Protein backbone atom coordinates (compact mmCIF):
# COMPACT_ATOMS: atom_id res chain seq x y z
CA MET A 1 -95.94 256.53 -4.84
CA ASN A 2 -96.45 259.04 -2.03
CA ILE A 3 -96.13 257.59 1.46
CA PRO A 4 -98.12 259.24 4.29
CA VAL A 5 -95.85 261.36 6.47
CA ASP A 6 -96.58 259.43 9.66
CA HIS A 7 -95.80 256.09 7.99
CA ALA A 8 -92.57 257.48 6.49
CA ASN A 9 -91.52 258.76 9.93
CA GLU A 10 -92.25 255.39 11.50
CA ALA A 11 -90.27 253.56 8.81
CA TYR A 12 -87.32 255.92 9.24
CA TRP A 13 -87.08 255.49 13.02
CA ASP A 14 -87.72 251.74 12.84
CA LEU A 15 -84.81 251.52 10.42
CA ILE A 16 -82.32 253.24 12.74
CA ALA A 17 -83.65 251.85 16.05
CA GLU A 18 -81.23 248.92 16.18
CA ASN A 19 -78.10 251.09 16.04
CA TYR A 20 -79.50 254.28 17.57
CA ASP A 21 -77.79 253.97 20.97
CA HIS A 22 -74.44 253.19 19.38
CA ASN A 23 -74.68 256.15 16.99
CA PHE A 24 -75.44 258.84 19.59
CA PRO A 25 -76.35 258.12 23.24
CA GLU A 26 -73.35 255.85 23.85
CA THR A 27 -70.84 258.19 22.20
CA VAL A 28 -68.57 260.46 24.25
CA ILE A 29 -70.20 263.62 22.90
CA GLY A 30 -73.71 262.16 23.12
CA ARG A 31 -73.30 261.42 26.84
CA VAL A 32 -71.99 264.92 27.55
CA GLN A 33 -74.88 266.58 25.73
CA ARG A 34 -77.45 264.33 27.38
CA ASN A 35 -76.01 265.04 30.82
CA ALA A 36 -76.52 268.76 30.17
CA VAL A 37 -80.20 268.10 29.46
CA TRP A 38 -80.54 265.79 32.45
CA HIS A 39 -79.29 268.57 34.71
CA GLU A 40 -82.38 270.59 33.78
CA LEU A 41 -84.78 267.62 33.83
CA ASP A 42 -83.64 266.71 37.33
CA ARG A 43 -84.35 270.25 38.54
CA ALA A 44 -87.78 270.46 36.90
CA PHE A 45 -89.21 267.04 37.79
CA GLN A 46 -89.34 265.74 41.35
CA PRO A 47 -89.85 262.21 42.76
CA GLY A 48 -93.51 261.24 42.79
CA MET A 49 -94.40 263.37 39.76
CA ARG A 50 -96.03 261.80 36.71
CA ILE A 51 -94.41 263.09 33.52
CA LEU A 52 -95.18 262.71 29.82
CA GLU A 53 -92.26 262.10 27.46
CA LEU A 54 -92.64 262.67 23.71
CA ASN A 55 -90.54 260.77 21.16
CA CYS A 56 -88.81 258.73 23.87
CA GLY A 57 -86.62 256.68 21.53
CA THR A 58 -84.93 253.80 23.34
CA GLY A 59 -86.04 255.02 26.76
CA ILE A 60 -82.78 256.43 28.11
CA ASP A 61 -84.32 259.57 29.59
CA ALA A 62 -87.40 257.83 30.97
CA VAL A 63 -85.30 255.23 32.78
CA HIS A 64 -83.02 257.96 34.13
CA LEU A 65 -86.01 259.78 35.65
CA ALA A 66 -87.46 256.52 36.96
CA LYS A 67 -84.24 255.91 38.89
CA LEU A 68 -84.95 259.22 40.64
CA GLY A 69 -88.50 258.16 41.55
CA VAL A 70 -90.30 260.02 38.75
CA ARG A 71 -93.12 258.16 36.98
CA VAL A 72 -93.12 258.50 33.20
CA VAL A 73 -95.56 257.79 30.38
CA ALA A 74 -93.14 257.64 27.45
CA CYS A 75 -94.31 257.60 23.82
CA ASP A 76 -92.71 257.03 20.44
CA LEU A 77 -94.21 256.29 17.03
CA SER A 78 -91.60 253.58 16.34
CA SER A 79 -92.53 250.15 17.68
CA LYS A 80 -88.90 249.05 17.41
CA MET A 81 -87.74 252.00 19.52
CA ILE A 82 -90.36 251.08 22.13
CA ASP A 83 -89.23 247.44 22.06
CA ALA A 84 -85.69 248.57 22.84
CA ALA A 85 -86.98 250.92 25.56
CA ARG A 86 -88.90 248.12 27.26
CA ARG A 87 -85.80 245.92 27.26
CA ARG A 88 -83.83 248.76 28.88
CA LEU A 89 -86.53 249.22 31.52
CA SER A 90 -86.69 245.52 32.30
CA ALA A 91 -82.91 245.40 32.75
CA ALA A 92 -83.15 248.29 35.21
CA PHE A 93 -85.91 246.56 37.26
CA LEU A 94 -88.07 249.71 37.18
CA ASP A 95 -91.08 248.36 35.28
CA GLY A 96 -93.62 249.92 37.62
CA LEU A 97 -92.39 253.46 37.06
CA VAL A 98 -92.43 253.77 33.25
CA ASP A 99 -95.26 253.06 30.83
CA PHE A 100 -93.91 252.87 27.26
CA ARG A 101 -96.44 253.33 24.46
CA VAL A 102 -96.31 253.27 20.68
CA LEU A 103 -97.85 256.63 19.89
CA ASP A 104 -97.18 259.39 17.36
CA THR A 105 -96.42 262.74 19.01
CA GLU A 106 -99.06 264.39 16.82
CA LYS A 107 -101.72 262.05 18.24
CA ILE A 108 -101.13 262.59 21.95
CA GLU A 109 -104.68 263.90 22.35
CA THR A 110 -105.61 260.24 22.91
CA LEU A 111 -103.82 260.47 26.27
CA ILE A 112 -106.59 262.65 27.66
CA VAL A 113 -107.86 259.58 29.57
CA ASP A 114 -104.51 259.52 31.41
CA ALA A 115 -104.41 263.25 32.15
CA PRO A 116 -103.49 265.39 33.95
CA PHE A 117 -99.70 265.11 33.93
CA ASP A 118 -97.30 267.04 36.18
CA GLY A 119 -95.00 267.96 33.30
CA ALA A 120 -93.69 266.95 29.90
CA PHE A 121 -90.49 266.91 27.89
CA SER A 122 -89.02 266.05 24.52
CA ASN A 123 -85.31 265.42 24.14
CA PHE A 124 -83.11 266.09 21.13
CA SER A 125 -84.52 265.98 17.59
CA GLY A 126 -87.97 264.43 18.05
CA LEU A 127 -89.97 267.63 17.74
CA ASN A 128 -87.93 268.67 14.71
CA CYS A 129 -89.58 265.78 12.88
CA VAL A 130 -93.12 266.86 13.82
CA GLN A 131 -95.09 268.53 11.03
CA ASP A 132 -97.38 270.61 13.26
CA VAL A 133 -95.78 271.69 16.55
CA SER A 134 -98.67 274.11 17.21
CA ARG A 135 -101.03 271.14 17.35
CA VAL A 136 -98.74 269.41 19.83
CA ALA A 137 -98.70 272.54 21.99
CA GLU A 138 -102.50 272.73 21.96
CA ASN A 139 -102.80 269.06 22.93
CA LEU A 140 -100.27 269.49 25.74
CA SER A 141 -102.31 272.37 27.13
CA ARG A 142 -105.17 269.90 27.63
CA LEU A 143 -102.98 267.20 29.17
CA LEU A 144 -100.97 269.18 31.73
CA LYS A 145 -101.80 270.63 35.11
CA PRO A 146 -101.53 274.40 35.65
CA SER A 147 -97.91 275.37 36.41
CA ALA A 148 -96.63 272.13 34.85
CA GLN A 149 -93.18 272.49 33.29
CA ILE A 150 -92.28 271.56 29.70
CA LEU A 151 -88.69 271.13 28.52
CA LEU A 152 -88.08 270.87 24.79
CA CYS A 153 -84.65 270.05 23.39
CA MET A 154 -84.51 270.64 19.63
CA VAL A 155 -81.81 270.77 16.97
CA GLY A 156 -80.37 274.27 16.64
CA ARG A 157 -80.33 276.28 13.45
CA PHE A 158 -76.58 276.79 13.22
CA SER A 159 -73.52 275.05 14.67
CA PRO A 160 -70.09 276.63 14.00
CA TRP A 161 -68.50 273.27 14.83
CA GLU A 162 -70.47 271.53 12.11
CA THR A 163 -69.68 274.22 9.54
CA ALA A 164 -65.94 274.15 10.35
CA TRP A 165 -65.89 270.34 10.15
CA HIS A 166 -67.38 270.26 6.66
CA LEU A 167 -65.15 273.11 5.43
CA ALA A 168 -62.09 271.29 6.74
CA HIS A 169 -63.13 268.25 4.71
CA GLY A 170 -63.57 270.23 1.51
CA LYS A 171 -67.36 270.22 1.53
CA PRO A 172 -68.40 273.89 1.24
CA VAL A 173 -71.87 273.04 -0.07
CA VAL A 174 -72.56 270.80 2.92
CA ALA A 175 -71.14 273.51 5.19
CA LEU A 176 -73.67 275.99 3.81
CA HIS A 177 -76.42 273.55 4.73
CA SER A 178 -75.30 273.95 8.35
CA PHE A 179 -77.42 277.11 8.33
CA LYS A 180 -80.63 275.19 8.99
CA ARG A 181 -83.53 277.38 7.97
CA LYS A 182 -85.37 275.22 5.45
CA PRO A 183 -86.76 271.71 6.02
CA THR A 184 -84.47 268.86 5.02
CA ALA A 185 -85.25 265.23 4.25
CA GLY A 186 -83.93 262.07 5.87
CA LEU A 187 -84.14 258.90 3.81
CA SER A 188 -85.72 255.61 4.82
CA SER A 189 -86.37 252.42 2.87
CA ARG A 190 -89.99 253.48 2.41
CA GLY A 191 -89.75 257.18 1.83
CA THR A 192 -88.45 260.38 3.41
CA VAL A 193 -88.93 262.12 6.72
CA SER A 194 -89.06 265.90 6.78
CA VAL A 195 -86.96 267.65 9.43
CA HIS A 196 -87.86 271.22 10.44
CA TYR A 197 -85.73 273.82 12.21
CA PRO A 198 -87.99 276.40 13.87
CA SER A 199 -86.32 279.32 15.63
CA VAL A 200 -86.72 279.93 19.36
CA ARG A 201 -89.10 282.75 18.47
CA ASP A 202 -91.15 280.38 16.30
CA VAL A 203 -91.49 277.85 19.12
CA ARG A 204 -92.45 280.56 21.61
CA ARG A 205 -95.21 281.68 19.27
CA MET A 206 -96.46 278.12 18.82
CA PHE A 207 -96.81 277.61 22.57
CA ALA A 208 -98.52 280.93 23.30
CA PRO A 209 -100.95 281.80 24.84
CA LYS A 210 -101.41 278.61 26.92
CA PHE A 211 -97.79 278.50 28.10
CA ARG A 212 -95.45 281.00 29.69
CA PHE A 213 -91.94 281.03 28.20
CA ARG A 214 -89.41 280.65 31.00
CA GLY A 215 -86.15 280.77 29.09
CA TRP A 216 -83.74 278.80 26.96
CA LYS A 217 -80.12 277.68 26.72
CA GLY A 218 -77.80 276.09 24.20
CA ILE A 219 -76.79 272.43 24.37
CA GLY A 220 -73.41 271.69 22.81
CA VAL A 221 -72.05 275.20 22.34
CA ALA A 222 -68.39 274.57 23.16
CA VAL A 223 -68.91 270.80 22.99
CA PRO A 224 -68.87 269.71 19.32
CA PRO A 225 -71.78 267.89 17.62
CA SER A 226 -71.95 264.12 17.42
CA CYS A 227 -70.49 264.01 13.89
CA LEU A 228 -67.13 264.81 15.53
CA ASP A 229 -67.30 261.92 17.99
CA PRO A 230 -64.32 260.09 16.43
CA ILE A 231 -62.20 263.01 17.62
CA GLY A 232 -64.07 263.08 20.93
CA ARG A 233 -63.11 259.45 21.57
CA MET A 234 -59.46 260.34 20.97
CA PHE A 235 -59.54 263.29 23.39
CA PRO A 236 -62.22 262.61 26.04
CA GLY A 237 -60.46 264.93 28.48
CA VAL A 238 -60.79 267.81 26.04
CA VAL A 239 -64.49 267.09 25.63
CA GLY A 240 -64.86 267.14 29.42
CA GLY A 241 -63.13 270.51 29.56
CA LEU A 242 -65.38 271.88 26.83
CA ALA A 243 -68.39 270.63 28.80
CA LYS A 244 -67.33 272.82 31.73
CA ILE A 245 -67.06 275.82 29.41
CA ASP A 246 -70.54 275.01 28.12
CA ARG A 247 -72.00 275.62 31.57
CA TYR A 248 -71.28 279.31 31.07
CA LEU A 249 -71.65 279.74 27.30
CA SER A 250 -74.95 277.84 27.20
CA ARG A 251 -76.74 280.74 28.90
CA ALA A 252 -74.80 283.63 27.35
CA PRO A 253 -76.60 285.77 24.74
CA ILE A 254 -75.45 285.09 21.18
CA PHE A 255 -73.36 282.05 22.21
CA ARG A 256 -76.37 280.01 23.32
CA SER A 257 -77.84 280.29 19.82
CA LEU A 258 -74.76 278.51 18.43
CA GLY A 259 -75.40 275.20 20.17
CA ASP A 260 -75.88 271.88 18.43
CA CYS A 261 -79.29 271.93 20.15
CA VAL A 262 -81.38 274.41 22.13
CA LEU A 263 -83.33 273.62 25.28
CA LEU A 264 -86.50 275.65 25.87
CA GLN A 265 -88.61 275.72 29.04
CA PHE A 266 -92.29 276.59 29.29
CA GLU A 267 -94.86 276.64 32.08
CA ARG A 268 -98.52 275.76 31.67
CA LEU A 269 -100.66 278.76 32.54
CA SER A 270 -103.88 278.56 34.47
CA GLU A 271 -106.87 279.90 32.54
CA GLU A 272 -107.24 282.84 34.89
CA PHE A 273 -103.61 283.92 34.51
CA PRO A 274 -102.86 284.19 30.76
CA SER A 275 -100.02 286.72 30.85
CA GLU A 276 -96.44 285.82 29.93
CA ARG A 277 -93.42 286.56 32.06
CA LYS A 278 -89.94 285.73 30.81
CA LEU A 279 -87.58 284.03 33.23
CA SER A 280 -84.21 282.39 32.67
CA PHE A 281 -82.52 279.13 33.50
CA SER A 282 -80.47 279.73 36.62
């Protein structure tokens, strides 16, 4: 029996919601990678702004921004993820600053009644699980104010760390799969979820012409991916040192494309100013 893609996605994320924080955000490597993203979020979004978050998971990023005085409408298609996010928000006593909603990223056009937003972001792999990123880009163009910033953190297409790890464990076939160019499938109890790995160029094309591309950087270039966290727990000081190296390699040509993830930044254009001008993270 074929299961609709949106239902399969929901089942997949519901299934992992209970252990999600333990498996990534609370790991040594997960915290380092998230801090690198937070550095850019904190620069882009100021207190008093109202921001849209896509695929918010258990609400870690939304609560972080709320602590800085940023208001967030945070969405995720998994009701169990949203339940966990609301518990996190309640524990932080910031209920008035974050509005968590069960909503598929590909259906955000329903938020038009809440528009306009001052910015938007998506952290880590959420957009990699979206079937039609171009549709998301078009919907965001209707929801955001002119000059609004978008930050998109997506899984990269190749991680040398991941390849080396699998080769060291005698898994050459798995190592070859580290070159992520074709969609892969994640299993759930009710079906599969398709994961896509668009290139930076692909994503730029999807967001043109309504958005200006401002630049991109790697996340987790020197810092290894989360599959190596058992080693990271043994040598947290080494991970901290690699994080410092990442501050330089993450912006360097060639090296930045080798990150576990990539972080792209766009700016919503006004209708009367449709040209694109490339800038860089500073």
